[in-house]
Every structure is written in structure tokens, then in C-alpha cells.
Amino acid sequence: MNKLSYEDKIEVYKKKQVQSRYILARKYNIRDCNISYIVSLINKHGYDILRTIKNKNIQNNLRKML
């Protein structure tokens, strides 16, 4: 099972309109339920849900301020 990058997730979402989730799952070497999960997240929250900034950096900055 591979971890998808930000670009891969966007590509999966765009290709889901044309291809089935089973074909996409084989192509990206992930389960078909993960394809459904990514698509439903983007439908509900938009592309902002796929952010790449980690919370860890924000927490470290707050600790320095305290």
C-alpha cells in the first residue's frame, strides 16, 4: 500500500469522474475504499482538506512563544 501525494490525490479525484474506483485502486496500489474516502472528503470539504502543512510545525512555534 502506497502513501499518495497531494498531486496523486487530486489526480484520483479528477479521474474518478471517468474511471471506476477499482481501476484507480489497482493503478495506485491502494484499496478501493480509500479511493471512495478521498473522493467523499474532497466533495464535502474541498481541496483544502488535502493540505500538506503539518500541525507539528505550528505547535513548535506556539511552544517557543510560551
Foldseek 3Di string as FASTA:
>chain_A
DDDDALVLLVVLLVCVVPDPLVVVCVVVVHDSVVSVVSNVCCVVPNSVVRDDDDCVVVVVVVVVVD
